[in-house]
Amino acid sequence: MSRRPLRSRTGVLAVLMAAVCATTLAGCGGRLGENGRVGIVYMDAQGYYAGVREGLRDHAQDSGAGYQLLEVNAQGDASEESSFVDVASSADVDALVLSPVSATASIPAVRLAHESGVPVVCYNTCIEDEAARKYVTSYILGDPHKFGSLLGEAAADHFADKGVTAPKIAVLNCEFVEVCVDRREGFEEALFERLPDAEIVANQQGATIDEAVRVGERVLTAHPDLDAFYGEAGGATMGAVRTVKTSNSTGDVVVFGSDMSTDAAQALADHTILKANVDISGLTVGRMAGEIVEDVIDGEEPEEFVTDAPIDIYTTPEDGSRWLEEHPDGIP
């Protein structure tokens, strides 16, 4: 993941305040923040987070809430995340919505927000459970074990149809966040239940496309009899697809992936390499976060700590084509 130098507190404040007017949902004509301010942290620039942003904005506009979004892309950097949370807390935001960069390194930032009286809503990822129960108001989560399990079932279906009883599979992971570990465990459990002789021959980090291509090429060299890649996240998935294409392995190696995007949907519609993809819609999660934020600003506590986000599995060319029709702007 890329790392950027820590901005000064003044610099972060300037960026944050510029973002206020850039993302005001009721216009900048009235008193700044008169309808509430919400700090938003996106873990990185992958398409899922664009969906979360759009979903939050859609909810605010549709509901007439008119609050302002103060946003930052943490670029996978816990110090960047911490600086933003520090300044947002000082700016008296009414809520903080974030997908923490780290289950451990993000704890001080979340604790600071909580101790500053700012309700925290996690989505996608969160801090360690014990700390989360202390400092987080609500957690929007698509069960990562189920997420992986659905894809493991799809992989088992594919190989059973092909008569392959002992496929060799390499994992390109994002396991610097705990949900990706849970995704893999769900995938393996479902796969091995159906195909007990299947083998995971490699499990290496490849969360971005470029990183996944570099790792994937090394894996193919080490395992020329590989049957499939499993990409735990969007970058890993499309990196695996690119690796198979450029290594002339199409027809020999397939990909089972995670997180929908225009590229993933096109690859699924083609169906020569990508055979299945599992997804939690960023748009849906953003709208869910908006509803929870609105309740929090109104002083209503969520009934449950964890709110389940729906999980979708796509396995056919028709699924890919339909996704493209339903998402013409490419926002997942």
Protein backbone atom coordinates (compact mmCIF):
# COMPACT_ATOMS: atom_id res chain seq x y z
CA MET A 1 0.00 0.00 0.00
CA SER A 2 1.25 3.55 -0.64
CA ARG A 3 2.28 5.71 2.27
CA ARG A 4 2.13 9.50 2.39
CA PRO A 5 3.89 11.80 4.85
CA LEU A 6 1.87 12.94 7.83
CA ARG A 7 0.35 16.35 7.24
CA SER A 8 0.59 19.01 9.88
CA ARG A 9 -2.56 19.53 11.92
CA THR A 10 -3.04 22.92 10.22
CA GLY A 11 -2.67 21.35 6.80
CA VAL A 12 -5.20 18.64 7.54
CA LEU A 13 -7.62 21.25 8.89
CA ALA A 14 -7.31 23.28 5.69
CA VAL A 15 -8.02 20.22 3.56
CA LEU A 16 -10.90 19.18 5.81
CA MET A 17 -12.56 22.60 5.67
CA ALA A 18 -12.15 22.74 1.90
CA ALA A 19 -13.81 19.34 1.73
CA VAL A 20 -16.79 20.65 3.68
CA CYS A 21 -17.91 22.99 0.92
CA ALA A 22 -16.96 20.47 -1.74
CA THR A 23 -19.27 17.88 -0.20
CA THR A 24 -22.02 19.96 1.34
CA LEU A 25 -25.29 18.28 0.53
CA ALA A 26 -27.51 21.28 1.21
CA GLY A 27 -25.21 23.89 -0.33
CA CYS A 28 -22.70 26.24 1.32
CA GLY A 29 -25.07 29.16 1.46
CA GLY A 30 -26.26 28.68 5.03
CA ARG A 31 -24.39 28.44 8.30
CA LEU A 32 -21.59 25.91 7.96
CA GLY A 33 -22.66 22.62 9.49
CA GLU A 34 -26.10 23.84 10.53
CA ASN A 35 -27.63 20.48 9.55
CA GLY A 36 -24.81 18.45 11.06
CA ARG A 37 -21.31 17.43 10.06
CA VAL A 38 -20.19 13.86 9.45
CA GLY A 39 -16.54 12.85 9.17
CA ILE A 40 -15.92 10.03 6.66
CA VAL A 41 -12.75 7.97 6.30
CA TYR A 42 -12.23 5.75 3.25
CA MET A 43 -9.51 3.13 3.66
CA ASP A 44 -8.22 3.45 0.09
CA ALA A 45 -9.24 4.45 -3.43
CA GLN A 46 -10.75 1.16 -4.62
CA GLY A 47 -14.18 1.32 -6.18
CA TYR A 48 -16.03 -0.01 -3.14
CA TYR A 49 -15.32 3.22 -1.27
CA ALA A 50 -16.62 5.32 -4.16
CA GLY A 51 -19.83 3.34 -3.74
CA VAL A 52 -19.94 4.05 -0.01
CA ARG A 53 -19.48 7.75 -0.69
CA GLU A 54 -22.23 7.80 -3.31
CA GLY A 55 -24.56 5.84 -1.03
CA LEU A 56 -24.03 8.28 1.84
CA ARG A 57 -24.74 11.22 -0.45
CA ASP A 58 -27.81 9.55 -1.93
CA HIS A 59 -29.26 8.94 1.52
CA ALA A 60 -28.61 12.49 2.70
CA GLN A 61 -30.24 13.95 -0.40
CA ASP A 62 -33.20 11.56 -0.46
CA SER A 63 -33.91 11.94 3.25
CA GLY A 64 -33.47 15.71 3.22
CA ALA A 65 -30.97 15.42 6.08
CA GLY A 66 -28.70 18.01 4.47
CA TYR A 67 -25.67 17.27 6.65
CA GLN A 68 -22.16 17.91 5.40
CA LEU A 69 -19.57 15.23 4.67
CA LEU A 70 -15.97 15.89 5.70
CA GLU A 71 -13.99 13.25 3.84
CA VAL A 72 -10.52 11.79 3.57
CA ASN A 73 -8.95 8.84 1.76
CA ALA A 74 -6.52 7.37 4.31
CA GLN A 75 -4.53 5.57 1.58
CA GLY A 76 -4.05 2.64 3.96
CA ASP A 77 -2.08 4.93 6.31
CA ALA A 78 -3.05 4.79 10.00
CA SER A 79 -1.25 8.09 10.71
CA GLU A 80 -3.24 9.85 7.97
CA GLU A 81 -6.40 8.40 9.42
CA SER A 82 -5.42 9.51 12.94
CA SER A 83 -4.68 13.08 11.84
CA PHE A 84 -8.05 13.40 10.18
CA VAL A 85 -9.91 11.96 13.16
CA ASP A 86 -8.05 14.35 15.47
CA VAL A 87 -9.04 17.40 13.44
CA ALA A 88 -12.59 16.16 12.77
CA SER A 89 -13.12 15.59 16.49
CA SER A 90 -11.87 19.11 17.23
CA ALA A 91 -14.26 20.44 14.59
CA ASP A 92 -17.22 19.03 16.56
CA VAL A 93 -18.47 16.59 13.96
CA ASP A 94 -21.76 14.93 14.89
CA ALA A 95 -20.59 11.47 13.84
CA LEU A 96 -17.58 9.69 12.38
CA VAL A 97 -17.96 6.94 9.77
CA LEU A 98 -14.85 4.94 8.96
CA SER A 99 -13.37 1.68 7.71
CA PRO A 100 -10.31 1.53 9.99
CA VAL A 101 -6.95 0.86 8.39
CA SER A 102 -5.88 -1.45 11.22
CA ALA A 103 -7.65 -3.43 13.92
CA THR A 104 -4.93 -2.35 16.37
CA ALA A 105 -3.19 0.77 15.06
CA SER A 106 -6.54 2.55 14.55
CA ILE A 107 -7.65 2.09 18.16
CA PRO A 108 -6.14 5.37 19.48
CA ALA A 109 -7.92 7.42 16.78
CA VAL A 110 -11.28 5.75 17.44
CA ARG A 111 -10.81 6.12 21.20
CA LEU A 112 -10.04 9.83 20.73
CA ALA A 113 -13.26 10.33 18.76
CA HIS A 114 -15.26 8.50 21.41
CA GLU A 115 -13.68 10.47 24.26
CA SER A 116 -14.41 13.68 22.33
CA GLY A 117 -18.11 12.77 22.33
CA VAL A 118 -18.21 11.79 18.66
CA PRO A 119 -20.27 8.64 17.88
CA VAL A 120 -18.28 6.24 15.68
CA VAL A 121 -19.81 4.03 12.98
CA CYS A 122 -17.54 1.35 11.49
CA TYR A 123 -18.17 -0.22 8.11
CA ASN A 124 -16.37 -3.01 6.27
CA THR A 125 -13.59 -3.18 8.88
CA CYS A 126 -13.34 -2.17 12.51
CA ILE A 127 -10.94 -2.19 15.45
CA GLU A 128 -10.48 -5.21 17.72
CA ASP A 129 -13.77 -6.41 19.13
CA GLU A 130 -13.12 -5.58 22.80
CA ALA A 131 -12.12 -2.01 21.93
CA ALA A 132 -14.93 -1.71 19.39
CA ARG A 133 -17.51 -2.56 22.03
CA LYS A 134 -16.13 0.30 24.14
CA TYR A 135 -15.63 3.01 21.56
CA VAL A 136 -17.85 2.24 18.54
CA THR A 137 -21.58 2.91 18.36
CA SER A 138 -22.39 0.69 15.39
CA TYR A 139 -20.65 -1.66 12.94
CA ILE A 140 -22.00 -2.34 9.43
CA LEU A 141 -20.60 -5.70 8.39
CA GLY A 142 -21.23 -8.21 5.66
CA ASP A 143 -20.30 -11.47 7.40
CA PRO A 144 -16.78 -12.11 6.01
CA HIS A 145 -16.93 -15.85 6.73
CA LYS A 146 -20.15 -16.13 4.71
CA PHE A 147 -18.58 -13.89 2.05
CA GLY A 148 -15.73 -16.36 1.57
CA SER A 149 -17.97 -19.39 1.96
CA LEU A 150 -20.21 -18.36 -0.94
CA LEU A 151 -17.16 -18.12 -3.18
CA GLY A 152 -15.76 -21.43 -1.91
CA GLU A 153 -19.07 -23.06 -2.87
CA ALA A 154 -18.85 -21.51 -6.33
CA ALA A 155 -15.27 -22.77 -6.73
CA ALA A 156 -16.32 -26.26 -5.65
CA ASP A 157 -19.21 -26.19 -8.15
CA HIS A 158 -16.83 -25.19 -10.95
CA PHE A 159 -14.28 -27.91 -10.28
CA ALA A 160 -16.92 -30.57 -9.67
CA ASP A 161 -18.42 -29.74 -13.08
CA LYS A 162 -14.96 -30.09 -14.64
CA GLY A 163 -14.25 -33.36 -12.84
CA VAL A 164 -11.30 -31.87 -10.95
CA THR A 165 -11.21 -33.38 -7.46
CA ALA A 166 -7.89 -31.98 -6.22
CA PRO A 167 -7.51 -28.41 -7.54
CA LYS A 168 -4.43 -26.40 -6.62
CA ILE A 169 -5.37 -22.86 -5.64
CA ALA A 170 -3.25 -19.80 -4.81
CA VAL A 171 -4.60 -17.00 -2.61
CA LEU A 172 -3.80 -13.34 -3.28
CA ASN A 173 -4.70 -11.76 0.02
CA CYS A 174 -5.50 -8.55 1.87
CA GLU A 175 -4.91 -10.12 5.27
CA PHE A 176 -3.46 -6.99 6.87
CA VAL A 177 -7.14 -6.50 7.78
CA GLU A 178 -8.90 -9.18 9.81
CA VAL A 179 -11.97 -9.46 7.56
CA CYS A 180 -9.78 -10.86 4.78
CA VAL A 181 -8.52 -13.63 7.08
CA ASP A 182 -12.16 -14.47 7.81
CA ARG A 183 -12.94 -14.44 4.08
CA ARG A 184 -10.22 -16.99 3.39
CA GLU A 185 -11.28 -19.22 6.25
CA GLY A 186 -14.85 -19.24 4.93
CA PHE A 187 -13.60 -19.98 1.41
CA GLU A 188 -11.42 -22.87 2.57
CA GLU A 189 -14.11 -24.37 4.79
CA ALA A 190 -16.67 -24.47 1.98
CA LEU A 191 -14.14 -25.68 -0.60
CA PHE A 192 -12.65 -28.47 1.53
CA GLU A 193 -16.06 -29.70 2.65
CA ARG A 194 -16.89 -30.42 -0.98
CA LEU A 195 -13.38 -31.20 -2.27
CA PRO A 196 -11.26 -32.49 0.62
CA ASP A 197 -8.27 -33.11 -1.66
CA ALA A 198 -8.11 -29.49 -2.81
CA GLU A 199 -4.87 -27.70 -1.90
CA ILE A 200 -3.97 -24.09 -1.11
CA VAL A 201 -0.45 -23.97 -2.55
CA ALA A 202 0.28 -20.30 -1.77
CA ASN A 203 -1.17 -17.45 0.27
CA GLN A 204 0.57 -14.12 -0.34
CA GLN A 205 -0.38 -10.48 -0.07
CA GLY A 206 -1.55 -8.87 -3.28
CA ALA A 207 -4.16 -6.29 -2.38
CA THR A 208 -3.55 -3.90 -5.30
CA ILE A 209 -3.58 -4.82 -8.97
CA ASP A 210 0.11 -4.16 -9.53
CA GLU A 211 1.13 -6.02 -6.40
CA ALA A 212 -1.16 -8.93 -7.27
CA VAL A 213 0.36 -9.18 -10.77
CA ARG A 214 3.90 -9.32 -9.39
CA VAL A 215 2.97 -11.94 -6.81
CA GLY A 216 0.79 -13.89 -9.23
CA GLU A 217 3.59 -14.19 -11.77
CA ARG A 218 5.92 -15.60 -9.11
CA VAL A 219 3.24 -18.05 -7.98
CA LEU A 220 2.69 -19.32 -11.54
CA THR A 221 6.42 -19.83 -11.95
CA ALA A 222 6.59 -21.81 -8.70
CA HIS A 223 3.39 -23.75 -9.41
CA PRO A 224 3.02 -24.35 -13.16
CA ASP A 225 0.24 -26.86 -12.44
CA LEU A 226 -1.91 -24.22 -10.69
CA ASP A 227 -5.65 -24.49 -11.32
CA ALA A 228 -6.95 -21.21 -9.86
CA PHE A 229 -6.34 -17.97 -8.04
CA TYR A 230 -8.58 -16.75 -5.23
CA GLY A 231 -8.54 -12.96 -4.90
CA GLU A 232 -9.66 -11.80 -1.45
CA ALA A 233 -10.35 -8.22 -2.61
CA GLY A 234 -10.93 -6.25 -5.79
CA GLY A 235 -7.30 -5.41 -6.55
CA ALA A 236 -6.26 -9.00 -5.94
CA THR A 237 -9.01 -10.28 -8.22
CA MET A 238 -8.21 -8.08 -11.18
CA GLY A 239 -4.48 -8.58 -10.68
CA ALA A 240 -5.07 -12.32 -10.87
CA VAL A 241 -7.13 -11.95 -14.05
CA ARG A 242 -4.39 -9.83 -15.63
CA THR A 243 -1.73 -12.34 -14.58
CA VAL A 244 -3.58 -15.20 -16.23
CA LYS A 245 -4.02 -13.20 -19.44
CA THR A 246 -0.42 -12.01 -19.75
CA SER A 247 1.08 -15.39 -18.85
CA ASN A 248 -0.91 -17.16 -21.57
CA SER A 249 -2.57 -19.32 -18.93
CA THR A 250 -6.13 -18.71 -20.14
CA GLY A 251 -7.90 -22.04 -20.29
CA ASP A 252 -5.61 -23.58 -17.69
CA VAL A 253 -6.01 -21.22 -14.72
CA VAL A 254 -9.23 -19.59 -13.57
CA VAL A 255 -9.99 -16.91 -10.98
CA PHE A 256 -12.51 -16.68 -8.16
CA GLY A 257 -12.77 -13.11 -6.97
CA SER A 258 -14.14 -10.54 -4.59
CA ASP A 259 -15.63 -7.05 -4.94
CA MET A 260 -17.47 -6.04 -8.08
CA SER A 261 -16.34 -3.30 -10.44
CA THR A 262 -16.80 -2.55 -14.13
CA ASP A 263 -13.63 -4.50 -14.95
CA ALA A 264 -14.72 -7.44 -12.80
CA ALA A 265 -18.20 -7.47 -14.34
CA GLN A 266 -16.70 -7.40 -17.85
CA ALA A 267 -14.37 -10.25 -16.96
CA LEU A 268 -17.29 -12.23 -15.53
CA ALA A 269 -19.40 -11.56 -18.62
CA ASP A 270 -16.52 -12.90 -20.73
CA HIS A 271 -16.26 -15.86 -18.32
CA THR A 272 -13.06 -17.32 -19.75
CA ILE A 273 -10.96 -16.45 -16.67
CA LEU A 274 -13.15 -15.02 -13.91
CA LYS A 275 -15.69 -17.69 -12.98
CA ALA A 276 -17.35 -16.18 -9.91
CA ASN A 277 -17.23 -12.97 -7.90
CA VAL A 278 -18.72 -12.16 -4.50
CA ASP A 279 -19.59 -8.64 -3.46
CA ILE A 280 -20.95 -6.32 -0.80
CA SER A 281 -22.31 -3.23 -2.53
CA GLY A 282 -20.63 -0.01 -1.44
CA LEU A 283 -23.75 1.89 -2.46
CA THR A 284 -25.87 -0.23 -0.14
CA VAL A 285 -23.42 0.11 2.75
CA GLY A 286 -23.24 3.87 2.25
CA ARG A 287 -27.02 4.18 2.41
CA MET A 288 -27.08 1.99 5.53
CA ALA A 289 -24.43 4.19 7.12
CA GLY A 290 -26.48 7.26 6.26
CA GLU A 291 -29.53 5.84 8.01
CA ILE A 292 -27.53 5.02 11.14
CA VAL A 293 -25.86 8.44 11.14
CA GLU A 294 -29.23 10.16 10.83
CA ASP A 295 -30.51 8.18 13.82
CA VAL A 296 -27.37 8.97 15.83
CA ILE A 297 -27.63 12.68 15.09
CA ASP A 298 -31.27 12.50 16.23
CA GLY A 299 -30.13 10.89 19.49
CA GLU A 300 -31.37 7.37 18.71
CA GLU A 301 -29.13 4.42 19.63
CA PRO A 302 -28.95 1.48 17.18
CA GLU A 303 -30.83 -1.58 18.42
CA GLU A 304 -27.94 -3.92 17.54
CA PHE A 305 -24.20 -3.28 17.56
CA VAL A 306 -23.64 -5.14 14.27
CA THR A 307 -25.87 -4.37 11.28
CA ASP A 308 -25.67 -7.06 8.59
CA ALA A 309 -24.85 -5.87 5.08
CA PRO A 310 -26.20 -8.07 2.24
CA ILE A 311 -23.75 -10.25 0.29
CA ASP A 312 -24.20 -11.05 -3.41
CA ILE A 313 -22.63 -13.86 -5.43
CA TYR A 314 -22.23 -13.61 -9.22
CA THR A 315 -21.41 -16.81 -11.14
CA THR A 316 -22.58 -16.51 -14.75
CA PRO A 317 -21.88 -14.34 -17.80
CA GLU A 318 -25.46 -13.09 -17.51
CA ASP A 319 -24.73 -11.94 -13.94
CA GLY A 320 -21.82 -9.87 -15.21
CA SER A 321 -23.84 -8.33 -18.04
CA ARG A 322 -26.71 -7.52 -15.70
CA TRP A 323 -24.36 -5.81 -13.22
CA LEU A 324 -23.00 -3.61 -16.03
CA GLU A 325 -26.54 -2.62 -17.02
CA GLU A 326 -27.47 -1.82 -13.41
CA HIS A 327 -24.26 0.16 -12.75
CA PRO A 328 -23.66 2.22 -15.92
CA ASP A 329 -21.52 4.69 -13.96
CA GLY A 330 -19.33 1.83 -12.68
CA ILE A 331 -19.94 2.66 -9.03
CA PRO A 332 -20.36 -0.63 -7.13
